[in-house]
Amino acid sequence: MPQTRAPVRRWGSSLGIVLPPEMVKELRLEAGREVMVDIRPAGIEEAFGSLKNWTVDPRKLKDELRRRW
């Protein structure tokens, strides 16, 4: 399932999200078509979630950083 980050913009008294043209083309979307949207605010949780599969030993990293200082 394609994912993207998009800024929330104000449209009158509503808010909306603009999909990038690459995604529109890839999904063959047209005006009026209904889509499912999973909304999650981007933030610090997203950054830490990206480290779930990090395989670096923290002690080795700490030692290497100390050597370079």
Foldseek 3Di string as FASTA:
>chain_A
DDDDDFDWDDDPPDIDTDDDPVVCVVVVDDPPDDDDDDDDDDDPVVVVVVCPPPDDDPVVVVVVVVVVD
